[in-house]
C-alpha atoms as a PDB file:
ATOM      1  CA  MET A   1      79.235  -1.607   3.143  1.00  0.00           C
ATOM      2  CA  LYS A   2      77.524   1.858   2.704  1.00  0.00           C
ATOM      3  CA  GLU A   3      74.881   2.838   4.953  1.00  0.00           C
ATOM      4  CA  LYS A   4      71.456   3.972   3.853  1.00  0.00           C
ATOM      5  CA  SER A   5      70.360   7.410   4.222  1.00  0.00           C
ATOM      6  CA  GLY A   6      67.211   8.459   6.069  1.00  0.00           C
ATOM      7  CA  LYS A   7      65.781   9.300   2.917  1.00  0.00           C
ATOM      8  CA  GLU A   8      66.393   6.094   1.152  1.00  0.00           C
ATOM      9  CA  VAL A   9      65.380   4.518   3.959  1.00  0.00           C
ATOM     10  CA  PHE A  10      61.899   6.137   3.385  1.00  0.00           C
ATOM     11  CA  LEU A  11      61.717   5.487  -0.496  1.00  0.00           C
ATOM     12  CA  THR A  12      62.349   1.918  -0.037  1.00  0.00           C
ATOM     13  CA  PHE A  13      59.564   1.449   2.432  1.00  0.00           C
ATOM     14  CA  LEU A  14      57.468   3.535   0.421  1.00  0.00           C
ATOM     15  CA  ARG A  15      58.358   1.346  -2.812  1.00  0.00           C
ATOM     16  CA  LYS A  16      57.152  -1.580  -0.230  1.00  0.00           C
ATOM     17  CA  TYR A  17      54.375  -0.778   1.462  1.00  0.00           C
ATOM     18  CA  GLY A  18      53.344   2.348  -0.104  1.00  0.00           C
ATOM     19  CA  TYR A  19      49.874   0.870  -1.310  1.00  0.00           C
ATOM     20  CA  ILE A  20      49.084  -0.310   2.354  1.00  0.00           C
ATOM     21  CA  VAL A  21      49.702   3.195   3.369  1.00  0.00           C
ATOM     22  CA  GLY A  22      47.835   4.806   0.821  1.00  0.00           C
ATOM     23  CA  LEU A  23      44.548   2.576   1.465  1.00  0.00           C
ATOM     24  CA  GLY A  24      45.089   3.227   4.870  1.00  0.00           C
ATOM     25  CA  VAL A  25      44.620   6.960   4.409  1.00  0.00           C
ATOM     26  CA  MET A  26      41.623   6.352   1.967  1.00  0.00           C
ATOM     27  CA  LEU A  27      39.792   4.217   4.392  1.00  0.00           C
ATOM     28  CA  VAL A  28      40.431   7.258   7.101  1.00  0.00           C
ATOM     29  CA  VAL A  29      39.328   9.942   4.856  1.00  0.00           C
ATOM     30  CA  ILE A  30      36.073   7.869   3.831  1.00  0.00           C
ATOM     31  CA  SER A  31      35.083   6.779   7.429  1.00  0.00           C
ATOM     32  CA  THR A  32      35.456  10.469   8.417  1.00  0.00           C
ATOM     33  CA  ILE A  33      33.239  11.378   5.440  1.00  0.00           C
ATOM     34  CA  ILE A  34      30.546   9.235   6.055  1.00  0.00           C
ATOM     35  CA  VAL A  35      30.651   9.994  10.154  1.00  0.00           C
ATOM     36  CA  VAL A  36      30.247  13.506   8.969  1.00  0.00           C
ATOM     37  CA  PHE A  37      27.564  13.118   6.698  1.00  0.00           C
ATOM     38  CA  ALA A  38      25.490  10.430   8.966  1.00  0.00           C
ATOM     39  CA  ASN A  39      25.362  12.594  11.932  1.00  0.00           C
ATOM     40  CA  LYS A  40      25.062  16.049   9.678  1.00  0.00           C
ATOM     41  CA  PRO A  41      21.113  17.115  10.825  1.00  0.00           C
ATOM     42  CA  LYS A  42      18.516  16.895   8.183  1.00  0.00           C
ATOM     43  CA  GLU A  43      17.082  20.020   6.836  1.00  0.00           C
ATOM     44  CA  ASN A  44      13.712  20.310   4.834  1.00  0.00           C
ATOM     45  CA  VAL A  45      12.233  17.425   6.531  1.00  0.00           C
ATOM     46  CA  THR A  46       8.891  17.256   5.952  1.00  0.00           C
ATOM     47  CA  LYS A  47       7.233  15.296   9.332  1.00  0.00           C
ATOM     48  CA  PRO A  48       3.231  14.398   8.739  1.00  0.00           C
ATOM     49  CA  THR A  49       1.075  17.095  10.558  1.00  0.00           C
ATOM     50  CA  ASN A  50      -2.115  14.614  10.855  1.00  0.00           C
ATOM     51  CA  THR A  51      -1.174  12.014  13.123  1.00  0.00           C
ATOM     52  CA  THR A  52      -4.838  11.406  13.908  1.00  0.00           C
ATOM     53  CA  PRO A  53      -5.206   7.439  12.745  1.00  0.00           C
ATOM     54  CA  VAL A  54      -7.841   7.452   9.843  1.00  0.00           C
ATOM     55  CA  SER A  55     -10.898   5.652  10.726  1.00  0.00           C
ATOM     56  CA  PHE A  56     -13.707   4.375   7.800  1.00  0.00           C
ATOM     57  CA  TYR A  57     -17.273   4.635   7.823  1.00  0.00           C
ATOM     58  CA  SER A  58     -18.493   1.491   7.119  1.00  0.00           C
ATOM     59  CA  PRO A  59     -19.146   0.507   3.295  1.00  0.00           C
ATOM     60  CA  LEU A  60     -22.344  -1.482   4.793  1.00  0.00           C
ATOM     61  CA  LEU A  61     -25.038  -1.139   7.150  1.00  0.00           C
ATOM     62  CA  SER A  62     -25.723  -4.796   7.331  1.00  0.00           C
ATOM     63  CA  TYR A  63     -23.314  -7.894   6.109  1.00  0.00           C
ATOM     64  CA  THR A  64     -21.186 -10.849   6.655  1.00  0.00           C
ATOM     65  CA  ILE A  65     -17.995 -11.050   6.029  1.00  0.00           C
ATOM     66  CA  ALA A  66     -17.861 -13.695   3.764  1.00  0.00           C
ATOM     67  CA  LYS A  67     -13.836 -13.829   2.478  1.00  0.00           C
ATOM     68  CA  ASP A  68     -11.435 -12.111   4.586  1.00  0.00           C
ATOM     69  CA  TYR A  69      -8.000 -10.245   3.383  1.00  0.00           C
ATOM     70  CA  ASN A  70      -5.232 -12.655   3.193  1.00  0.00           C
ATOM     71  CA  ASP A  71      -1.692 -12.009   1.296  1.00  0.00           C
ATOM     72  CA  LYS A  72       0.802 -14.502   3.320  1.00  0.00           C
ATOM     73  CA  ASN A  73      -1.590 -17.777   2.394  1.00  0.00           C
ATOM     74  CA  LEU A  74      -3.458 -18.808  -0.813  1.00  0.00           C
ATOM     75  CA  VAL A  75      -6.846 -19.635  -0.339  1.00  0.00           C
ATOM     76  CA  TYR A  76      -8.953 -21.125  -2.613  1.00  0.00           C
ATOM     77  CA  ASN A  77     -11.579 -19.481  -4.815  1.00  0.00           C
ATOM     78  CA  THR A  78     -14.362 -21.798  -5.433  1.00  0.00           C
ATOM     79  CA  THR A  79     -15.589 -20.202  -8.620  1.00  0.00           C
ATOM     80  CA  LEU A  80     -12.361 -19.612 -10.470  1.00  0.00           C
ATOM     81  CA  LYS A  81     -11.053 -23.678  -9.181  1.00  0.00           C
ATOM     82  CA  GLN A  82      -7.834 -21.801  -8.406  1.00  0.00           C
ATOM     83  CA  TRP A  83      -5.370 -21.106  -5.351  1.00  0.00           C
ATOM     84  CA  GLU A  84      -4.937 -17.385  -4.868  1.00  0.00           C
ATOM     85  CA  ALA A  85      -4.000 -14.396  -2.849  1.00  0.00           C
ATOM     86  CA  HIS A  86      -6.814 -12.527  -1.643  1.00  0.00           C
ATOM     87  CA  LYS A  87      -6.292  -8.873  -0.942  1.00  0.00           C
ATOM     88  CA  GLY A  88      -9.492  -7.304  -0.111  1.00  0.00           C
ATOM     89  CA  ILE A  89     -12.696  -7.895   2.161  1.00  0.00           C
ATOM     90  CA  CYS A  90     -16.083  -9.731   0.721  1.00  0.00           C
ATOM     91  CA  PHE A  91     -18.746  -8.684   2.634  1.00  0.00           C
ATOM     92  CA  SER A  92     -22.283 -10.469   1.844  1.00  0.00           C
ATOM     93  CA  ALA A  93     -25.147  -8.620   1.751  1.00  0.00           C
ATOM     94  CA  SER A  94     -28.848  -8.642   0.138  1.00  0.00           C
ATOM     95  CA  GLU A  95     -28.679  -7.918  -3.440  1.00  0.00           C
ATOM     96  CA  ASN A  96     -29.046  -3.979  -4.049  1.00  0.00           C
ATOM     97  CA  SER A  97     -28.172  -2.881  -0.407  1.00  0.00           C
ATOM     98  CA  GLU A  98     -26.649   0.695  -0.371  1.00  0.00           C
ATOM     99  CA  VAL A  99     -22.896   0.965  -0.558  1.00  0.00           C
ATOM    100  CA  PHE A 100     -21.484   4.062   1.186  1.00  0.00           C
ATOM    101  CA  ALA A 101     -18.073   6.064   1.104  1.00  0.00           C
ATOM    102  CA  CYS A 102     -15.686   5.404   3.643  1.00  0.00           C
ATOM    103  CA  LEU A 103     -14.070   8.371   3.870  1.00  0.00           C
ATOM    104  CA  ASP A 104     -14.308  12.198   1.892  1.00  0.00           C
ATOM    105  CA  GLY A 105     -12.681  11.798  -1.240  1.00  0.00           C
ATOM    106  CA  THR A 106     -13.132  12.105  -5.218  1.00  0.00           C
ATOM    107  CA  VAL A 107     -14.153   9.383  -7.571  1.00  0.00           C
ATOM    108  CA  ALA A 108     -11.035   8.370  -9.376  1.00  0.00           C
ATOM    109  CA  ASP A 109     -12.559   6.171 -11.582  1.00  0.00           C
ATOM    110  CA  VAL A 110     -15.683   4.136 -11.952  1.00  0.00           C
ATOM    111  CA  TYR A 111     -15.621   0.847 -14.732  1.00  0.00           C
ATOM    112  CA  THR A 112     -16.761  -2.689 -15.290  1.00  0.00           C
ATOM    113  CA  ASN A 113     -15.099  -5.672 -16.443  1.00  0.00           C
ATOM    114  CA  HIS A 114     -15.887  -9.296 -16.517  1.00  0.00           C
ATOM    115  CA  LEU A 115     -13.943 -10.160 -13.240  1.00  0.00           C
ATOM    116  CA  ASN A 116     -14.889  -7.591 -11.015  1.00  0.00           C
ATOM    117  CA  GLY A 117     -18.085  -6.179 -12.487  1.00  0.00           C
ATOM    118  CA  THR A 118     -18.920  -2.616 -11.677  1.00  0.00           C
ATOM    119  CA  VAL A 119     -16.306  -0.683  -9.816  1.00  0.00           C
ATOM    120  CA  VAL A 120     -15.987   2.615  -8.061  1.00  0.00           C
ATOM    121  CA  VAL A 121     -12.426   3.570  -6.840  1.00  0.00           C
ATOM    122  CA  LEU A 122     -12.155   6.823  -4.481  1.00  0.00           C
ATOM    123  CA  SER A 123      -9.243   8.723  -3.780  1.00  0.00           C
ATOM    124  CA  HIS A 124      -8.415   9.806  -0.448  1.00  0.00           C
ATOM    125  CA  ASP A 125      -6.166  12.147   1.482  1.00  0.00           C
ATOM    126  CA  ASN A 126      -2.857  10.294   2.753  1.00  0.00           C
ATOM    127  CA  ASN A 127      -2.309   8.833  -0.657  1.00  0.00           C
ATOM    128  CA  LEU A 128      -5.196   6.206   0.084  1.00  0.00           C
ATOM    129  CA  LYS A 129      -7.549   4.788  -2.228  1.00  0.00           C
ATOM    130  CA  THR A 130     -10.545   2.518  -1.826  1.00  0.00           C
ATOM    131  CA  TYR A 131     -12.127   0.096  -4.455  1.00  0.00           C
ATOM    132  CA  TYR A 132     -15.538  -1.109  -4.236  1.00  0.00           C
ATOM    133  CA  SER A 133     -16.186  -4.324  -6.924  1.00  0.00           C
ATOM    134  CA  SER A 134     -19.266  -6.146  -7.390  1.00  0.00           C
ATOM    135  CA  LEU A 135     -21.477  -3.226  -7.685  1.00  0.00           C
ATOM    136  CA  ASP A 136     -24.479  -2.894  -9.487  1.00  0.00           C
ATOM    137  CA  GLU A 137     -24.000  -1.255 -13.099  1.00  0.00           C
ATOM    138  CA  ASN A 138     -26.123   1.460 -11.959  1.00  0.00           C
ATOM    139  CA  VAL A 139     -23.734   3.661  -9.539  1.00  0.00           C
ATOM    140  CA  SER A 140     -25.034   6.456  -8.133  1.00  0.00           C
ATOM    141  CA  VAL A 141     -21.180   8.324  -8.441  1.00  0.00           C
ATOM    142  CA  LYS A 142     -19.114   9.543 -12.160  1.00  0.00           C
ATOM    143  CA  LYS A 143     -15.636  10.260 -12.370  1.00  0.00           C
ATOM    144  CA  GLY A 144     -14.578  13.487 -11.078  1.00  0.00           C
ATOM    145  CA  ASP A 145     -17.762  13.386  -8.321  1.00  0.00           C
ATOM    146  CA  LYS A 146     -16.488  14.578  -4.547  1.00  0.00           C
ATOM    147  CA  VAL A 147     -18.003  12.535  -1.993  1.00  0.00           C
ATOM    148  CA  LYS A 148     -18.471  13.011   1.778  1.00  0.00           C
ATOM    149  CA  ARG A 149     -17.955   9.892   4.294  1.00  0.00           C
ATOM    150  CA  GLY A 150     -21.603   8.333   4.301  1.00  0.00           C
ATOM    151  CA  SER A 151     -22.591   8.829   0.823  1.00  0.00           C
ATOM    152  CA  VAL A 152     -24.275   6.144  -1.426  1.00  0.00           C
ATOM    153  CA  ILE A 153     -22.083   5.199  -4.226  1.00  0.00           C
ATOM    154  CA  GLY A 154     -23.711   2.155  -5.214  1.00  0.00           C
ATOM    155  CA  LYS A 155     -25.679  -0.952  -4.659  1.00  0.00           C
ATOM    156  CA  VAL A 156     -24.188  -4.475  -4.039  1.00  0.00           C
ATOM    157  CA  SER A 157     -24.560  -6.980  -6.717  1.00  0.00           C
ATOM    158  CA  SER A 158     -23.285 -10.363  -8.118  1.00  0.00           C
ATOM    159  CA  SER A 159     -21.541  -8.614 -10.847  1.00  0.00           C
ATOM    160  CA  ALA A 160     -17.918  -9.997 -10.714  1.00  0.00           C
ATOM    161  CA  SER A 161     -17.569 -13.206 -12.200  1.00  0.00           C
ATOM    162  CA  ASN A 162     -14.668 -14.168 -10.586  1.00  0.00           C
ATOM    163  CA  GLU A 163     -16.406 -14.530  -7.163  1.00  0.00           C
ATOM    164  CA  LEU A 164     -20.070 -16.085  -8.257  1.00  0.00           C
ATOM    165  CA  ASN A 165     -20.116 -18.709  -5.506  1.00  0.00           C
ATOM    166  CA  LEU A 166     -20.232 -15.814  -2.682  1.00  0.00           C
ATOM    167  CA  GLY A 167     -23.560 -14.344  -4.283  1.00  0.00           C
ATOM    168  CA  SER A 168     -24.433 -10.806  -4.209  1.00  0.00           C
ATOM    169  CA  HIS A 169     -21.353  -9.258  -2.117  1.00  0.00           C
ATOM    170  CA  LEU A 170     -19.063  -6.216  -2.094  1.00  0.00           C
ATOM    171  CA  HIS A 171     -15.246  -7.012  -2.755  1.00  0.00           C
ATOM    172  CA  PHE A 172     -13.782  -3.786  -0.773  1.00  0.00           C
ATOM    173  CA  GLU A 173      -9.718  -3.433  -1.156  1.00  0.00           C
ATOM    174  CA  VAL A 174      -7.792  -0.328   0.016  1.00  0.00           C
ATOM    175  CA  THR A 175      -4.223   0.945  -0.843  1.00  0.00           C
ATOM    176  CA  GLU A 176      -1.893   3.003   0.172  1.00  0.00           C
ATOM    177  CA  ASN A 177       0.708   4.786  -1.893  1.00  0.00           C
ATOM    178  CA  ASN A 178      -0.564   1.955  -4.833  1.00  0.00           C
ATOM    179  CA  VAL A 179       0.492  -1.006  -2.339  1.00  0.00           C
ATOM    180  CA  LYS A 180      -2.943  -3.072  -1.452  1.00  0.00           C
ATOM    181  CA  VAL A 181      -3.072  -3.308   2.533  1.00  0.00           C
ATOM    182  CA  ASP A 182      -5.497  -4.867   4.933  1.00  0.00           C
ATOM    183  CA  PRO A 183      -9.036  -3.140   4.972  1.00  0.00           C
ATOM    184  CA  ALA A 184      -9.518  -4.129   8.378  1.00  0.00           C
ATOM    185  CA  THR A 185      -6.673  -1.527   9.465  1.00  0.00           C
ATOM    186  CA  TYR A 186      -9.150   1.095   8.702  1.00  0.00           C
ATOM    187  CA  LEU A 187     -12.593  -0.703   9.151  1.00  0.00           C
ATOM    188  CA  ASN A 188     -14.187  -1.394  12.792  1.00  0.00           C
ATOM    189  CA  LEU A 189     -15.090  -5.106  12.306  1.00  0.00           C
ATOM    190  CA  GLU A 190     -15.675  -5.701  15.855  1.00  0.00           C
ATOM    191  CA  GLY A 191     -18.810  -8.277  16.019  1.00  0.00           C
ATOM    192  CA  LYS A 192     -19.373  -8.907  12.559  1.00  0.00           C
END
């Protein structure tokens, strides 16, 4: 029997196990690429320049909290007779109590609909928006107006038909990057 040359042994080995060797080499190359790019310093990363926490001015001078923010559990809406998430805070207040802008901003929208009543939406820095619902229809601002923190924007009423059982109140919501968040994050509600 003739003994195989080194070249023939190598070719036989490649025919039999070549795909495994190829996969191994590919894995090493891919792993190396991942390690190199994962450890590469990031360029042009914008870091926030304002790290001071945002604190809102109270939207009302005198109020009680009628309904807290709750996005984890359903709460019963006695007006609509249904269970729902409540992604805002309802402040009970006397009819015609003044409602204040919580932060400097621009009036992004003013509208009225059957469920929410009259609504003023303010747009602020840091991709924040505040929503003031159940206002009297005679608001103090119009779309495009610039407002200062503490400026009167409207008055409390019971125009929101989806929460009529709460009486006169302000339904207040906050969004960060168009996602509703708990307004208590920005408001000092201690002792109320």
